[in-house]
């Protein structure tokens, strides 16, 4: 869990427990989330491309906004139909 601010508001970035991080480390994930806050903060759910992976999560707005990483999917596991 990482506390940060966005547009003067405190918020929390969270990686769901027991999540397989593959070769991504938590610092890389948190940095990618912070760099993308101007977009994902206003989305209910998101898929963020980080290298060869998609970081999938959701944004909850409350007294302390919470962005939670729900899953990490390798791009090679994405199927297009």
PDB file of N, CA and C in Angstrom:
ATOM      1  N   UNK A   1       0.854  -1.173   0.000  1.00  0.00           N
ATOM      2  CA  UNK A   1       0.000   0.000   0.000  1.00  0.00           C
ATOM      3  C   UNK A   1       0.896   1.231   0.000  1.00  0.00           C
ATOM      4  N   UNK A   2       0.465   2.237  -0.765  1.00  0.00           N
ATOM      5  CA  UNK A   2       1.230   3.463  -0.877  1.00  0.00           C
ATOM      6  C   UNK A   2       0.279   4.651  -0.786  1.00  0.00           C
ATOM      7  N   UNK A   3       0.569   5.560   0.112  1.00  0.00           N
ATOM      8  CA  UNK A   3      -0.198   6.796   0.199  1.00  0.00           C
ATOM      9  C   UNK A   3       0.441   7.834  -0.704  1.00  0.00           C
ATOM     10  N   UNK A   4      -0.381   8.598  -1.411  1.00  0.00           N
ATOM     11  CA  UNK A   4       0.126   9.636  -2.302  1.00  0.00           C
ATOM     12  C   UNK A   4      -0.925  10.734  -2.381  1.00  0.00           C
ATOM     13  N   UNK A   5      -0.664  11.759  -3.153  1.00  0.00           N
ATOM     14  CA  UNK A   5      -1.644  12.818  -3.348  1.00  0.00           C
ATOM     15  C   UNK A   5      -1.859  13.030  -4.840  1.00  0.00           C
ATOM     16  N   UNK A   6      -3.057  13.496  -5.170  1.00  0.00           N
ATOM     17  CA  UNK A   6      -3.406  13.831  -6.541  1.00  0.00           C
ATOM     18  C   UNK A   6      -4.334  15.024  -6.493  1.00  0.00           C
ATOM     19  N   UNK A   7      -3.978  16.071  -7.195  1.00  0.00           N
ATOM     20  CA  UNK A   7      -4.740  17.321  -7.210  1.00  0.00           C
ATOM     21  C   UNK A   7      -5.055  17.794  -5.789  1.00  0.00           C
ATOM     22  N   UNK A   8      -4.064  17.683  -4.909  1.00  0.00           N
ATOM     23  CA  UNK A   8      -4.201  18.159  -3.539  1.00  0.00           C
ATOM     24  C   UNK A   8      -4.975  17.243  -2.614  1.00  0.00           C
ATOM     25  N   UNK A   9      -5.433  16.086  -3.097  1.00  0.00           N
ATOM     26  CA  UNK A   9      -6.190  15.149  -2.270  1.00  0.00           C
ATOM     27  C   UNK A   9      -5.322  13.938  -1.935  1.00  0.00           C
ATOM     28  N   UNK A  10      -5.415  13.500  -0.686  1.00  0.00           N
ATOM     29  CA  UNK A  10      -4.724  12.282  -0.300  1.00  0.00           C
ATOM     30  C   UNK A  10      -5.449  11.087  -0.896  1.00  0.00           C
ATOM     31  N   UNK A  11      -4.689  10.084  -1.288  1.00  0.00           N
ATOM     32  CA  UNK A  11      -5.289   8.878  -1.838  1.00  0.00           C
ATOM     33  C   UNK A  11      -4.389   7.692  -1.554  1.00  0.00           C
ATOM     34  N   UNK A  12      -4.913   6.488  -1.797  1.00  0.00           N
ATOM     35  CA  UNK A  12      -4.184   5.260  -1.521  1.00  0.00           C
ATOM     36  C   UNK A  12      -4.077   4.438  -2.799  1.00  0.00           C
ATOM     37  N   UNK A  13      -2.872   3.928  -3.066  1.00  0.00           N
ATOM     38  CA  UNK A  13      -2.641   2.978  -4.147  1.00  0.00           C
ATOM     39  C   UNK A  13      -2.397   1.630  -3.486  1.00  0.00           C
ATOM     40  N   UNK A  14      -3.103   0.596  -3.937  1.00  0.00           N
ATOM     41  CA  UNK A  14      -3.053  -0.699  -3.283  1.00  0.00           C
ATOM     42  C   UNK A  14      -2.915  -1.809  -4.311  1.00  0.00           C
ATOM     43  N   UNK A  15      -2.040  -2.761  -4.028  1.00  0.00           N
ATOM     44  CA  UNK A  15      -1.921  -3.962  -4.847  1.00  0.00           C
ATOM     45  C   UNK A  15      -2.607  -5.079  -4.069  1.00  0.00           C
ATOM     46  N   UNK A  16      -3.603  -5.703  -4.683  1.00  0.00           N
ATOM     47  CA  UNK A  16      -4.362  -6.772  -4.046  1.00  0.00           C
ATOM     48  C   UNK A  16      -3.406  -7.839  -3.516  1.00  0.00           C
ATOM     49  N   UNK A  17      -3.678  -8.337  -2.316  1.00  0.00           N
ATOM     50  CA  UNK A  17      -2.820  -9.364  -1.724  1.00  0.00           C
ATOM     51  C   UNK A  17      -2.906 -10.659  -2.519  1.00  0.00           C
ATOM     52  N   UNK A  18      -1.868 -11.453  -2.441  1.00  0.00           N
ATOM     53  CA  UNK A  18      -1.772 -12.749  -3.125  1.00  0.00           C
ATOM     54  C   UNK A  18      -1.806 -12.616  -4.642  1.00  0.00           C
ATOM     55  N   UNK A  19      -1.452 -11.482  -5.149  1.00  0.00           N
ATOM     56  CA  UNK A  19      -1.434 -11.258  -6.588  1.00  0.00           C
ATOM     57  C   UNK A  19      -0.079 -11.671  -7.133  1.00  0.00           C
ATOM     58  N   UNK A  20      -0.073 -12.459  -8.204  1.00  0.00           N
ATOM     59  CA  UNK A  20       1.175 -12.877  -8.845  1.00  0.00           C
ATOM     60  C   UNK A  20       1.711 -11.688  -9.626  1.00  0.00           C
ATOM     61  N   UNK A  21       2.851 -11.159  -9.225  1.00  0.00           N
ATOM     62  CA  UNK A  21       3.408  -9.953  -9.837  1.00  0.00           C
ATOM     63  C   UNK A  21       4.252 -10.237 -11.070  1.00  0.00           C
ATOM     64  N   UNK A  22       4.446 -11.496 -11.430  1.00  0.00           N
ATOM     65  CA  UNK A  22       5.310 -11.878 -12.546  1.00  0.00           C
ATOM     66  C   UNK A  22       6.665 -11.230 -12.341  1.00  0.00           C
ATOM     67  N   UNK A  23       7.225 -10.610 -13.339  1.00  0.00           N
ATOM     68  CA  UNK A  23       8.548 -10.006 -13.165  1.00  0.00           C
ATOM     69  C   UNK A  23       8.449  -8.527 -12.814  1.00  0.00           C
ATOM     70  N   UNK A  24       7.238  -8.041 -12.564  1.00  0.00           N
ATOM     71  CA  UNK A  24       7.067  -6.651 -12.129  1.00  0.00           C
ATOM     72  C   UNK A  24       7.247  -6.573 -10.620  1.00  0.00           C
ATOM     73  N   UNK A  25       7.971  -5.573 -10.168  1.00  0.00           N
ATOM     74  CA  UNK A  25       8.082  -5.383  -8.724  1.00  0.00           C
ATOM     75  C   UNK A  25       7.098  -4.298  -8.297  1.00  0.00           C
ATOM     76  N   UNK A  26       6.810  -4.247  -7.007  1.00  0.00           N
ATOM     77  CA  UNK A  26       5.818  -3.293  -6.499  1.00  0.00           C
ATOM     78  C   UNK A  26       6.182  -1.855  -6.834  1.00  0.00           C
ATOM     79  N   UNK A  27       7.454  -1.507  -6.757  1.00  0.00           N
ATOM     80  CA  UNK A  27       7.876  -0.135  -7.046  1.00  0.00           C
ATOM     81  C   UNK A  27       7.538   0.251  -8.488  1.00  0.00           C
ATOM     82  N   UNK A  28       7.772  -0.657  -9.429  1.00  0.00           N
ATOM     83  CA  UNK A  28       7.445  -0.399 -10.837  1.00  0.00           C
ATOM     84  C   UNK A  28       5.945  -0.185 -11.007  1.00  0.00           C
ATOM     85  N   UNK A  29       5.154  -1.005 -10.343  1.00  0.00           N
ATOM     86  CA  UNK A  29       3.697  -0.886 -10.441  1.00  0.00           C
ATOM     87  C   UNK A  29       3.242   0.446  -9.854  1.00  0.00           C
ATOM     88  N   UNK A  30       3.706   0.783  -8.648  1.00  0.00           N
ATOM     89  CA  UNK A  30       3.305   2.038  -8.007  1.00  0.00           C
ATOM     90  C   UNK A  30       3.738   3.243  -8.837  1.00  0.00           C
ATOM     91  N   UNK A  31       4.948   3.223  -9.370  1.00  0.00           N
ATOM     92  CA  UNK A  31       5.422   4.338 -10.201  1.00  0.00           C
ATOM     93  C   UNK A  31       4.566   4.483 -11.456  1.00  0.00           C
ATOM     94  N   UNK A  32       4.195   3.365 -12.075  1.00  0.00           N
ATOM     95  CA  UNK A  32       3.348   3.405 -13.266  1.00  0.00           C
ATOM     96  C   UNK A  32       1.973   3.968 -12.942  1.00  0.00           C
ATOM     97  N   UNK A  33       1.424   3.583 -11.800  1.00  0.00           N
ATOM     98  CA  UNK A  33       0.119   4.117 -11.380  1.00  0.00           C
ATOM     99  C   UNK A  33       0.205   5.623 -11.157  1.00  0.00           C
ATOM    100  N   UNK A  34       1.238   6.062 -10.448  1.00  0.00           N
ATOM    101  CA  UNK A  34       1.392   7.497 -10.180  1.00  0.00           C
ATOM    102  C   UNK A  34       1.546   8.296 -11.466  1.00  0.00           C
ATOM    103  N   UNK A  35       2.292   7.771 -12.428  1.00  0.00           N
ATOM    104  CA  UNK A  35       2.496   8.468 -13.702  1.00  0.00           C
ATOM    105  C   UNK A  35       1.200   8.558 -14.512  1.00  0.00           C
ATOM    106  N   UNK A  36       0.257   7.673 -14.257  1.00  0.00           N
ATOM    107  CA  UNK A  36      -0.989   7.614 -15.034  1.00  0.00           C
ATOM    108  C   UNK A  36      -2.193   8.160 -14.279  1.00  0.00           C
ATOM    109  N   UNK A  37      -1.983   8.740 -13.113  1.00  0.00           N
ATOM    110  CA  UNK A  37      -3.103   9.195 -12.281  1.00  0.00           C
ATOM    111  C   UNK A  37      -4.022  10.184 -12.986  1.00  0.00           C
ATOM    112  N   UNK A  38      -3.475  11.036 -13.846  1.00  0.00           N
ATOM    113  CA  UNK A  38      -4.318  12.042 -14.499  1.00  0.00           C
ATOM    114  C   UNK A  38      -5.401  11.404 -15.362  1.00  0.00           C
ATOM    115  N   UNK A  39      -5.214  10.144 -15.737  1.00  0.00           N
ATOM    116  CA  UNK A  39      -6.211   9.434 -16.548  1.00  0.00           C
ATOM    117  C   UNK A  39      -6.988   8.431 -15.704  1.00  0.00           C
ATOM    118  N   UNK A  40      -6.282   7.518 -15.018  1.00  0.00           N
ATOM    119  CA  UNK A  40      -6.985   6.432 -14.326  1.00  0.00           C
ATOM    120  C   UNK A  40      -7.773   6.910 -13.108  1.00  0.00           C
ATOM    121  N   UNK A  41      -7.425   8.069 -12.546  1.00  0.00           N
ATOM    122  CA  UNK A  41      -8.163   8.583 -11.397  1.00  0.00           C
ATOM    123  C   UNK A  41      -9.642   8.783 -11.732  1.00  0.00           C
ATOM    124  N   UNK A  42      -9.932   9.099 -12.977  1.00  0.00           N
ATOM    125  CA  UNK A  42     -11.301   9.406 -13.373  1.00  0.00           C
ATOM    126  C   UNK A  42     -12.022   8.210 -13.996  1.00  0.00           C
ATOM    127  N   UNK A  43     -11.401   7.032 -13.985  1.00  0.00           N
ATOM    128  CA  UNK A  43     -12.010   5.818 -14.531  1.00  0.00           C
ATOM    129  C   UNK A  43     -12.502   4.932 -13.393  1.00  0.00           C
ATOM    130  N   UNK A  44     -13.578   4.179 -13.638  1.00  0.00           N
ATOM    131  CA  UNK A  44     -14.038   3.201 -12.651  1.00  0.00           C
ATOM    132  C   UNK A  44     -13.141   1.965 -12.660  1.00  0.00           C
ATOM    133  N   UNK A  45     -12.720   1.548 -13.858  1.00  0.00           N
ATOM    134  CA  UNK A  45     -11.798   0.428 -14.002  1.00  0.00           C
ATOM    135  C   UNK A  45     -10.801   0.785 -15.099  1.00  0.00           C
ATOM    136  N   UNK A  46      -9.656   0.125 -15.078  1.00  0.00           N
ATOM    137  CA  UNK A  46      -8.615   0.469 -16.036  1.00  0.00           C
ATOM    138  C   UNK A  46      -7.729  -0.738 -16.321  1.00  0.00           C
ATOM    139  N   UNK A  47      -7.051  -0.693 -17.447  1.00  0.00           N
ATOM    140  CA  UNK A  47      -5.991  -1.631 -17.812  1.00  0.00           C
ATOM    141  C   UNK A  47      -4.810  -0.774 -18.249  1.00  0.00           C
ATOM    142  N   UNK A  48      -3.746  -0.831 -17.508  1.00  0.00           N
ATOM    143  CA  UNK A  48      -2.570   0.007 -17.735  1.00  0.00           C
ATOM    144  C   UNK A  48      -1.443  -0.850 -18.304  1.00  0.00           C
ATOM    145  N   UNK A  49      -0.928  -0.466 -19.456  1.00  0.00           N
ATOM    146  CA  UNK A  49       0.153  -1.209 -20.092  1.00  0.00           C
ATOM    147  C   UNK A  49       1.475  -0.855 -19.422  1.00  0.00           C
ATOM    148  N   UNK A  50       2.121  -1.875 -18.861  1.00  0.00           N
ATOM    149  CA  UNK A  50       3.420  -1.704 -18.210  1.00  0.00           C
ATOM    150  C   UNK A  50       4.356  -2.756 -18.796  1.00  0.00           C
ATOM    151  N   UNK A  51       5.174  -2.352 -19.736  1.00  0.00           N
ATOM    152  CA  UNK A  51       6.073  -3.299 -20.395  1.00  0.00           C
ATOM    153  C   UNK A  51       5.286  -4.369 -21.128  1.00  0.00           C
ATOM    154  N   UNK A  52       5.543  -5.613 -20.796  1.00  0.00           N
ATOM    155  CA  UNK A  52       4.883  -6.747 -21.439  1.00  0.00           C
ATOM    156  C   UNK A  52       3.647  -7.223 -20.677  1.00  0.00           C
ATOM    157  N   UNK A  53       3.102  -6.354 -19.833  1.00  0.00           N
ATOM    158  CA  UNK A  53       1.973  -6.735 -18.982  1.00  0.00           C
ATOM    159  C   UNK A  53       0.872  -5.678 -19.023  1.00  0.00           C
ATOM    160  N   UNK A  54      -0.332  -6.102 -18.684  1.00  0.00           N
ATOM    161  CA  UNK A  54      -1.431  -5.180 -18.426  1.00  0.00           C
ATOM    162  C   UNK A  54      -1.734  -5.245 -16.938  1.00  0.00           C
ATOM    163  N   UNK A  55      -1.718  -4.112 -16.292  1.00  0.00           N
ATOM    164  CA  UNK A  55      -2.070  -4.006 -14.885  1.00  0.00           C
ATOM    165  C   UNK A  55      -3.533  -3.579 -14.855  1.00  0.00           C
ATOM    166  N   UNK A  56      -4.385  -4.428 -14.312  1.00  0.00           N
ATOM    167  CA  UNK A  56      -5.833  -4.216 -14.328  1.00  0.00           C
ATOM    168  C   UNK A  56      -6.288  -3.843 -12.920  1.00  0.00           C
ATOM    169  N   UNK A  57      -7.111  -2.797 -12.838  1.00  0.00           N
ATOM    170  CA  UNK A  57      -7.548  -2.369 -11.516  1.00  0.00           C
ATOM    171  C   UNK A  57      -8.816  -1.561 -11.552  1.00  0.00           C
ATOM    172  N   UNK A  58      -9.154  -1.007 -10.380  1.00  0.00           N
ATOM    173  CA  UNK A  58     -10.355  -0.190 -10.252  1.00  0.00           C
ATOM    174  C   UNK A  58     -10.072   1.007  -9.355  1.00  0.00           C
ATOM    175  N   UNK A  59     -10.870   2.031  -9.555  1.00  0.00           N
ATOM    176  CA  UNK A  59     -10.764   3.256  -8.764  1.00  0.00           C
ATOM    177  C   UNK A  59     -12.048   3.438  -7.979  1.00  0.00           C
ATOM    178  N   UNK A  60     -11.915   3.659  -6.678  1.00  0.00           N
ATOM    179  CA  UNK A  60     -13.067   3.916  -5.817  1.00  0.00           C
ATOM    180  C   UNK A  60     -12.920   5.307  -5.223  1.00  0.00           C
ATOM    181  N   UNK A  61     -13.965   6.098  -5.365  1.00  0.00           N
ATOM    182  CA  UNK A  61     -13.933   7.462  -4.842  1.00  0.00           C
ATOM    183  C   UNK A  61     -14.691   7.512  -3.525  1.00  0.00           C
ATOM    184  N   UNK A  62     -14.008   8.001  -2.497  1.00  0.00           N
ATOM    185  CA  UNK A  62     -14.597   8.171  -1.174  1.00  0.00           C
ATOM    186  C   UNK A  62     -13.806   9.276  -0.479  1.00  0.00           C
ATOM    187  N   UNK A  63     -13.890   9.347   0.828  1.00  0.00           N
ATOM    188  CA  UNK A  63     -13.128  10.367   1.552  1.00  0.00           C
ATOM    189  C   UNK A  63     -11.642  10.271   1.194  1.00  0.00           C
ATOM    190  N   UNK A  64     -11.139   9.043   1.070  1.00  0.00           N
ATOM    191  CA  UNK A  64      -9.787   8.782   0.591  1.00  0.00           C
ATOM    192  C   UNK A  64      -9.911   7.924  -0.656  1.00  0.00           C
ATOM    193  N   UNK A  65      -9.729   8.506  -1.835  1.00  0.00           N
ATOM    194  CA  UNK A  65      -9.815   7.703  -3.059  1.00  0.00           C
ATOM    195  C   UNK A  65      -8.840   6.522  -2.985  1.00  0.00           C
ATOM    196  N   UNK A  66      -9.270   5.399  -3.538  1.00  0.00           N
ATOM    197  CA  UNK A  66      -8.492   4.168  -3.499  1.00  0.00           C
ATOM    198  C   UNK A  66      -8.373   3.595  -4.906  1.00  0.00           C
ATOM    199  N   UNK A  67      -7.139   3.367  -5.341  1.00  0.00           N
ATOM    200  CA  UNK A  67      -6.887   2.705  -6.620  1.00  0.00           C
ATOM    201  C   UNK A  67      -6.284   1.353  -6.280  1.00  0.00           C
ATOM    202  N   UNK A  68      -6.978   0.287  -6.697  1.00  0.00           N
ATOM    203  CA  UNK A  68      -6.565  -1.073  -6.362  1.00  0.00           C
ATOM    204  C   UNK A  68      -6.195  -1.845  -7.616  1.00  0.00           C
ATOM    205  N   UNK A  69      -5.011  -2.449  -7.610  1.00  0.00           N
ATOM    206  CA  UNK A  69      -4.604  -3.340  -8.690  1.00  0.00           C
ATOM    207  C   UNK A  69      -5.235  -4.695  -8.397  1.00  0.00           C
ATOM    208  N   UNK A  70      -6.104  -5.153  -9.320  1.00  0.00           N
ATOM    209  CA  UNK A  70      -6.827  -6.407  -9.143  1.00  0.00           C
ATOM    210  C   UNK A  70      -6.106  -7.593  -9.774  1.00  0.00           C
ATOM    211  N   UNK A  71      -5.394  -7.341 -10.884  1.00  0.00           N
ATOM    212  CA  UNK A  71      -4.757  -8.432 -11.600  1.00  0.00           C
ATOM    213  C   UNK A  71      -3.646  -7.900 -12.492  1.00  0.00           C
ATOM    214  N   UNK A  72      -2.725  -8.768 -12.837  1.00  0.00           N
ATOM    215  CA  UNK A  72      -1.671  -8.471 -13.801  1.00  0.00           C
ATOM    216  C   UNK A  72      -1.714  -9.579 -14.843  1.00  0.00           C
ATOM    217  N   UNK A  73      -1.827  -9.171 -16.111  1.00  0.00           N
ATOM    218  CA  UNK A  73      -1.982 -10.143 -17.197  1.00  0.00           C
ATOM    219  C   UNK A  73      -0.827  -9.957 -18.187  1.00  0.00           C
ATOM    220  N   UNK A  74      -0.062 -11.018 -18.441  1.00  0.00           N
ATOM    221  CA  UNK A  74       0.962 -10.912 -19.488  1.00  0.00           C
ATOM    222  C   UNK A  74       0.285 -10.691 -20.842  1.00  0.00           C
ATOM    223  N   UNK A  75       0.862  -9.819 -21.660  1.00  0.00           N
ATOM    224  CA  UNK A  75       0.283  -9.540 -22.985  1.00  0.00           C
ATOM    225  C   UNK A  75       0.131 -10.807 -23.810  1.00  0.00           C
ATOM    226  N   UNK A  76       1.029 -11.765 -23.643  1.00  0.00           N
ATOM    227  CA  UNK A  76       0.941 -13.009 -24.412  1.00  0.00           C
ATOM    228  C   UNK A  76      -0.301 -13.817 -24.065  1.00  0.00           C
ATOM    229  N   UNK A  77      -0.953 -13.514 -22.936  1.00  0.00           N
ATOM    230  CA  UNK A  77      -2.166 -14.224 -22.526  1.00  0.00           C
ATOM    231  C   UNK A  77      -3.440 -13.519 -22.974  1.00  0.00           C
ATOM    232  N   UNK A  78      -3.318 -12.453 -23.736  1.00  0.00           N
ATOM    233  CA  UNK A  78      -4.485 -11.721 -24.202  1.00  0.00           C
ATOM    234  C   UNK A  78      -4.904 -12.279 -25.546  1.00  0.00           C
ATOM    235  N   UNK A  79      -6.163 -12.626 -25.654  1.00  0.00           N
ATOM    236  CA  UNK A  79      -6.716 -13.224 -26.879  1.00  0.00           C
ATOM    237  C   UNK A  79      -7.649 -12.223 -27.531  1.00  0.00           C
ATOM    238  N   UNK A  80      -7.476 -12.002 -28.802  1.00  0.00           N
ATOM    239  CA  UNK A  80      -8.355 -11.114 -29.557  1.00  0.00           C
ATOM    240  C   UNK A  80      -9.224 -11.980 -30.466  1.00  0.00           C
ATOM    241  N   UNK A  81     -10.548 -11.736 -30.428  1.00  0.00           N
ATOM    242  CA  UNK A  81     -11.462 -12.511 -31.288  1.00  0.00           C
ATOM    243  C   UNK A  81     -12.173 -11.598 -32.248  1.00  0.00           C
TER     244      UNK A  81
END
